[in-house]
Amino acid sequence: MRTIGIILVALLLCCAGSVSAQQTGMFREQLARPDSLHGSRVIVTEVGDAAAIVKMLQSSRHDNKVNGYRVRIFFDNSQNARSNAQATQERFRELFPEVPVYMNYENPYFKVTVGNCLTIEEAIILWGRVKGDFDRAFVIREEIPVSVLAE
């Protein structure tokens, strides 16, 4: 799990095209400071020209996405689907304010999904947290924009 975290941080540092070199350095320093609760810290090591290669790939592809998982908590196409989806989204935000929630419409369905999980294990853990409040929840595979992960 620690290795995944380190890889994710390295990916985020490399892919954050709008972040200047100074901001990246400050971010690395912040990660290297020991956590006040557990004393844990992250040391970022950049291998070779990884940042330059990622920047080159970013310029060639505008919509960088990674394969990941989310938990779908709502899926409906009834007459009241839009208002029910909005209510579900608001209820989720109240119960789990730290987890991102997304509502979208794909004809003819309104869908509400939550989380930005890079592994199926993360998604199953999230599903386990929310299934008590959203009994129709299930894990789905979805492409997640890198820009969302960098936030």
C-alpha atoms as a PDB file:
ATOM      1  CA  MET A   1       0.000   0.000   0.000  1.00  0.00           C
ATOM      2  CA  ARG A   2       2.904   2.330   0.782  1.00  0.00           C
ATOM      3  CA  THR A   3       4.424   1.660  -2.637  1.00  0.00           C
ATOM      4  CA  ILE A   4       1.115   2.535  -4.309  1.00  0.00           C
ATOM      5  CA  GLY A   5       1.026   5.785  -2.351  1.00  0.00           C
ATOM      6  CA  ILE A   6       4.562   6.668  -3.395  1.00  0.00           C
ATOM      7  CA  ILE A   7       3.796   5.861  -7.038  1.00  0.00           C
ATOM      8  CA  LEU A   8       0.620   7.961  -6.872  1.00  0.00           C
ATOM      9  CA  VAL A   9       2.482  10.927  -5.394  1.00  0.00           C
ATOM     10  CA  ALA A  10       5.199  10.604  -8.034  1.00  0.00           C
ATOM     11  CA  LEU A  11       2.563  10.430 -10.777  1.00  0.00           C
ATOM     12  CA  LEU A  12       0.777  13.466  -9.404  1.00  0.00           C
ATOM     13  CA  LEU A  13       4.005  15.426  -9.185  1.00  0.00           C
ATOM     14  CA  CYS A  14       4.919  14.528 -12.742  1.00  0.00           C
ATOM     15  CA  CYS A  15       1.444  15.075 -14.203  1.00  0.00           C
ATOM     16  CA  ALA A  16       0.569  18.360 -12.572  1.00  0.00           C
ATOM     17  CA  GLY A  17       1.383  20.430 -15.652  1.00  0.00           C
ATOM     18  CA  SER A  18       0.017  23.652 -14.212  1.00  0.00           C
ATOM     19  CA  VAL A  19       2.281  23.452 -11.172  1.00  0.00           C
ATOM     20  CA  SER A  20       5.483  25.423 -11.420  1.00  0.00           C
ATOM     21  CA  ALA A  21       8.867  24.016 -10.438  1.00  0.00           C
ATOM     22  CA  GLN A  22       8.871  26.179  -7.310  1.00  0.00           C
ATOM     23  CA  GLN A  23       5.451  24.889  -6.235  1.00  0.00           C
ATOM     24  CA  THR A  24       6.572  21.317  -6.925  1.00  0.00           C
ATOM     25  CA  GLY A  25       9.623  21.840  -4.716  1.00  0.00           C
ATOM     26  CA  MET A  26       7.442  23.249  -1.926  1.00  0.00           C
ATOM     27  CA  PHE A  27       5.070  20.284  -2.289  1.00  0.00           C
ATOM     28  CA  ARG A  28       7.969  17.838  -2.002  1.00  0.00           C
ATOM     29  CA  GLU A  29       9.212  19.633   1.134  1.00  0.00           C
ATOM     30  CA  GLN A  30       5.744  19.450   2.655  1.00  0.00           C
ATOM     31  CA  LEU A  31       5.544  15.709   1.956  1.00  0.00           C
ATOM     32  CA  ALA A  32       8.992  15.153   3.483  1.00  0.00           C
ATOM     33  CA  ARG A  33       7.952  16.710   6.823  1.00  0.00           C
ATOM     34  CA  PRO A  34       6.974  14.065   9.401  1.00  0.00           C
ATOM     35  CA  ASP A  35       3.241  13.724  10.008  1.00  0.00           C
ATOM     36  CA  SER A  36       2.270  15.068  13.456  1.00  0.00           C
ATOM     37  CA  LEU A  37       0.079  12.066  14.268  1.00  0.00           C
ATOM     38  CA  HIS A  38       2.205   9.114  13.151  1.00  0.00           C
ATOM     39  CA  GLY A  39       5.551  10.637  12.198  1.00  0.00           C
ATOM     40  CA  SER A  40       5.267   9.229   8.678  1.00  0.00           C
ATOM     41  CA  ARG A  41       6.637  11.097   5.695  1.00  0.00           C
ATOM     42  CA  VAL A  42       6.996  10.686   1.937  1.00  0.00           C
ATOM     43  CA  ILE A  43      10.254  11.046   0.050  1.00  0.00           C
ATOM     44  CA  VAL A  44       9.812  11.602  -3.680  1.00  0.00           C
ATOM     45  CA  THR A  45      12.526  10.289  -5.970  1.00  0.00           C
ATOM     46  CA  GLU A  46      12.333  11.211  -9.624  1.00  0.00           C
ATOM     47  CA  VAL A  47      13.980   8.720 -11.919  1.00  0.00           C
ATOM     48  CA  GLY A  48      15.805  10.051 -14.955  1.00  0.00           C
ATOM     49  CA  ASP A  49      13.799  12.298 -17.257  1.00  0.00           C
ATOM     50  CA  ALA A  50      10.386  11.122 -16.005  1.00  0.00           C
ATOM     51  CA  ALA A  51       9.009  14.654 -15.637  1.00  0.00           C
ATOM     52  CA  ALA A  52      10.127  15.649 -19.139  1.00  0.00           C
ATOM     53  CA  ILE A  53       8.548  12.539 -20.650  1.00  0.00           C
ATOM     54  CA  VAL A  54       5.272  13.120 -18.824  1.00  0.00           C
ATOM     55  CA  LYS A  55       5.193  16.752 -19.984  1.00  0.00           C
ATOM     56  CA  MET A  56       5.769  15.573 -23.552  1.00  0.00           C
ATOM     57  CA  LEU A  57       2.886  13.102 -23.250  1.00  0.00           C
ATOM     58  CA  GLN A  58       0.646  15.778 -21.737  1.00  0.00           C
ATOM     59  CA  SER A  59       1.227  18.103 -24.662  1.00  0.00           C
ATOM     60  CA  SER A  60       0.313  15.344 -27.114  1.00  0.00           C
ATOM     61  CA  ARG A  61      -2.825  14.213 -25.230  1.00  0.00           C
ATOM     62  CA  HIS A  62      -5.102  16.830 -23.732  1.00  0.00           C
ATOM     63  CA  ASP A  63      -7.371  14.528 -21.749  1.00  0.00           C
ATOM     64  CA  ASN A  64      -5.044  12.309 -19.701  1.00  0.00           C
ATOM     65  CA  LYS A  65      -6.996   9.615 -17.909  1.00  0.00           C
ATOM     66  CA  VAL A  66      -6.112   6.547 -15.898  1.00  0.00           C
ATOM     67  CA  ASN A  67      -8.089   3.372 -15.414  1.00  0.00           C
ATOM     68  CA  GLY A  68      -9.645   3.324 -11.982  1.00  0.00           C
ATOM     69  CA  TYR A  69     -12.757   2.528 -10.018  1.00  0.00           C
ATOM     70  CA  ARG A  70     -15.671   4.349  -8.458  1.00  0.00           C
ATOM     71  CA  VAL A  71     -18.714   3.275  -6.491  1.00  0.00           C
ATOM     72  CA  ARG A  72     -22.065   3.891  -8.137  1.00  0.00           C
ATOM     73  CA  ILE A  73     -24.691   4.802  -5.534  1.00  0.00           C
ATOM     74  CA  PHE A  74     -27.528   5.839  -7.847  1.00  0.00           C
ATOM     75  CA  PHE A  75     -28.709   4.744 -11.299  1.00  0.00           C
ATOM     76  CA  ASP A  76     -32.214   5.565 -12.563  1.00  0.00           C
ATOM     77  CA  ASN A  77     -34.217   6.676 -15.597  1.00  0.00           C
ATOM     78  CA  SER A  78     -37.626   7.382 -14.058  1.00  0.00           C
ATOM     79  CA  GLN A  79     -39.476  10.705 -14.349  1.00  0.00           C
ATOM     80  CA  ASN A  80     -38.013  11.856 -11.024  1.00  0.00           C
ATOM     81  CA  ALA A  81     -34.509  10.589 -11.740  1.00  0.00           C
ATOM     82  CA  ARG A  82     -32.859  14.027 -11.885  1.00  0.00           C
ATOM     83  CA  SER A  83     -34.252  15.224  -8.566  1.00  0.00           C
ATOM     84  CA  ASN A  84     -33.581  11.839  -6.942  1.00  0.00           C
ATOM     85  CA  ALA A  85     -29.997  11.910  -8.222  1.00  0.00           C
ATOM     86  CA  GLN A  86     -29.492  15.425  -6.844  1.00  0.00           C
ATOM     87  CA  ALA A  87     -30.966  14.383  -3.490  1.00  0.00           C
ATOM     88  CA  THR A  88     -28.690  11.332  -3.412  1.00  0.00           C
ATOM     89  CA  GLN A  89     -25.690  13.503  -4.218  1.00  0.00           C
ATOM     90  CA  GLU A  90     -26.545  15.969  -1.430  1.00  0.00           C
ATOM     91  CA  ARG A  91     -27.166  13.174   1.077  1.00  0.00           C
ATOM     92  CA  PHE A  92     -23.824  11.584   0.216  1.00  0.00           C
ATOM     93  CA  ARG A  93     -22.001  14.916   0.652  1.00  0.00           C
ATOM     94  CA  GLU A  94     -23.549  15.266   4.118  1.00  0.00           C
ATOM     95  CA  LEU A  95     -22.555  11.744   5.169  1.00  0.00           C
ATOM     96  CA  PHE A  96     -19.112  11.574   3.505  1.00  0.00           C
ATOM     97  CA  PRO A  97     -17.842  15.137   2.923  1.00  0.00           C
ATOM     98  CA  GLU A  98     -14.271  13.939   2.331  1.00  0.00           C
ATOM     99  CA  VAL A  99     -15.189  11.704  -0.634  1.00  0.00           C
ATOM    100  CA  PRO A 100     -15.746  13.272  -4.083  1.00  0.00           C
ATOM    101  CA  VAL A 101     -19.172  12.686  -5.637  1.00  0.00           C
ATOM    102  CA  TYR A 102     -20.132  13.000  -9.312  1.00  0.00           C
ATOM    103  CA  MET A 103     -23.513  13.157 -11.010  1.00  0.00           C
ATOM    104  CA  ASN A 104     -23.855  12.675 -14.748  1.00  0.00           C
ATOM    105  CA  TYR A 105     -26.483  11.956 -17.342  1.00  0.00           C
ATOM    106  CA  GLU A 106     -26.044   9.335 -20.056  1.00  0.00           C
ATOM    107  CA  ASN A 107     -29.253   9.084 -22.014  1.00  0.00           C
ATOM    108  CA  PRO A 108     -31.592   7.870 -20.543  1.00  0.00           C
ATOM    109  CA  TYR A 109     -29.955   7.387 -17.102  1.00  0.00           C
ATOM    110  CA  PHE A 110     -28.960   9.720 -14.294  1.00  0.00           C
ATOM    111  CA  LYS A 111     -25.982   8.302 -12.422  1.00  0.00           C
ATOM    112  CA  VAL A 112     -24.239   9.239  -9.197  1.00  0.00           C
ATOM    113  CA  THR A 113     -20.780   7.825  -8.554  1.00  0.00           C
ATOM    114  CA  VAL A 114     -18.340   8.443  -5.722  1.00  0.00           C
ATOM    115  CA  GLY A 115     -14.622   8.218  -5.093  1.00  0.00           C
ATOM    116  CA  ASN A 116     -11.488   8.187  -7.206  1.00  0.00           C
ATOM    117  CA  CYS A 117      -9.967   4.770  -6.562  1.00  0.00           C
ATOM    118  CA  LEU A 118      -6.907   3.563  -8.439  1.00  0.00           C
ATOM    119  CA  THR A 119      -7.228  -0.042  -7.258  1.00  0.00           C
ATOM    120  CA  ILE A 120     -10.148  -2.422  -6.892  1.00  0.00           C
ATOM    121  CA  GLU A 121      -9.180  -2.887  -3.233  1.00  0.00           C
ATOM    122  CA  GLU A 122      -9.635   0.842  -2.561  1.00  0.00           C
ATOM    123  CA  ALA A 123     -13.019   0.742  -4.287  1.00  0.00           C
ATOM    124  CA  ILE A 124     -14.163  -2.270  -2.263  1.00  0.00           C
ATOM    125  CA  ILE A 125     -13.163  -0.527   0.963  1.00  0.00           C
ATOM    126  CA  LEU A 126     -15.134   2.562  -0.111  1.00  0.00           C
ATOM    127  CA  TRP A 127     -18.093   0.362  -1.096  1.00  0.00           C
ATOM    128  CA  GLY A 128     -17.977  -1.226   2.370  1.00  0.00           C
ATOM    129  CA  ARG A 129     -18.154   2.235   3.959  1.00  0.00           C
ATOM    130  CA  VAL A 130     -21.129   3.447   1.919  1.00  0.00           C
ATOM    131  CA  LYS A 131     -23.250   0.316   1.417  1.00  0.00           C
ATOM    132  CA  GLY A 132     -24.981   0.727   4.785  1.00  0.00           C
ATOM    133  CA  ASP A 133     -26.370   4.102   3.722  1.00  0.00           C
ATOM    134  CA  PHE A 134     -26.722   3.348   0.001  1.00  0.00           C
ATOM    135  CA  ASP A 135     -27.864  -0.271  -0.237  1.00  0.00           C
ATOM    136  CA  ARG A 136     -27.868  -0.371  -4.058  1.00  0.00           C
ATOM    137  CA  ALA A 137     -24.189   0.670  -4.304  1.00  0.00           C
ATOM    138  CA  PHE A 138     -21.790  -1.291  -6.491  1.00  0.00           C
ATOM    139  CA  VAL A 139     -18.213  -0.924  -7.780  1.00  0.00           C
ATOM    140  CA  ILE A 140     -17.640   0.128 -11.386  1.00  0.00           C
ATOM    141  CA  ARG A 141     -14.556   0.513 -13.550  1.00  0.00           C
ATOM    142  CA  GLU A 142     -14.141   4.028 -14.898  1.00  0.00           C
ATOM    143  CA  GLU A 143     -11.541   6.243 -16.508  1.00  0.00           C
ATOM    144  CA  ILE A 144     -10.505   8.958 -14.061  1.00  0.00           C
ATOM    145  CA  PRO A 145      -8.949  12.218 -15.275  1.00  0.00           C
ATOM    146  CA  VAL A 146      -5.444  12.760 -13.895  1.00  0.00           C
ATOM    147  CA  SER A 147      -6.387  16.368 -13.130  1.00  0.00           C
ATOM    148  CA  VAL A 148      -9.003  15.098 -10.628  1.00  0.00           C
ATOM    149  CA  LEU A 149      -6.371  12.987  -8.874  1.00  0.00           C
ATOM    150  CA  ALA A 150      -4.021  15.962  -8.603  1.00  0.00           C
ATOM    151  CA  GLU A 151      -6.561  17.971  -6.579  1.00  0.00           C
END
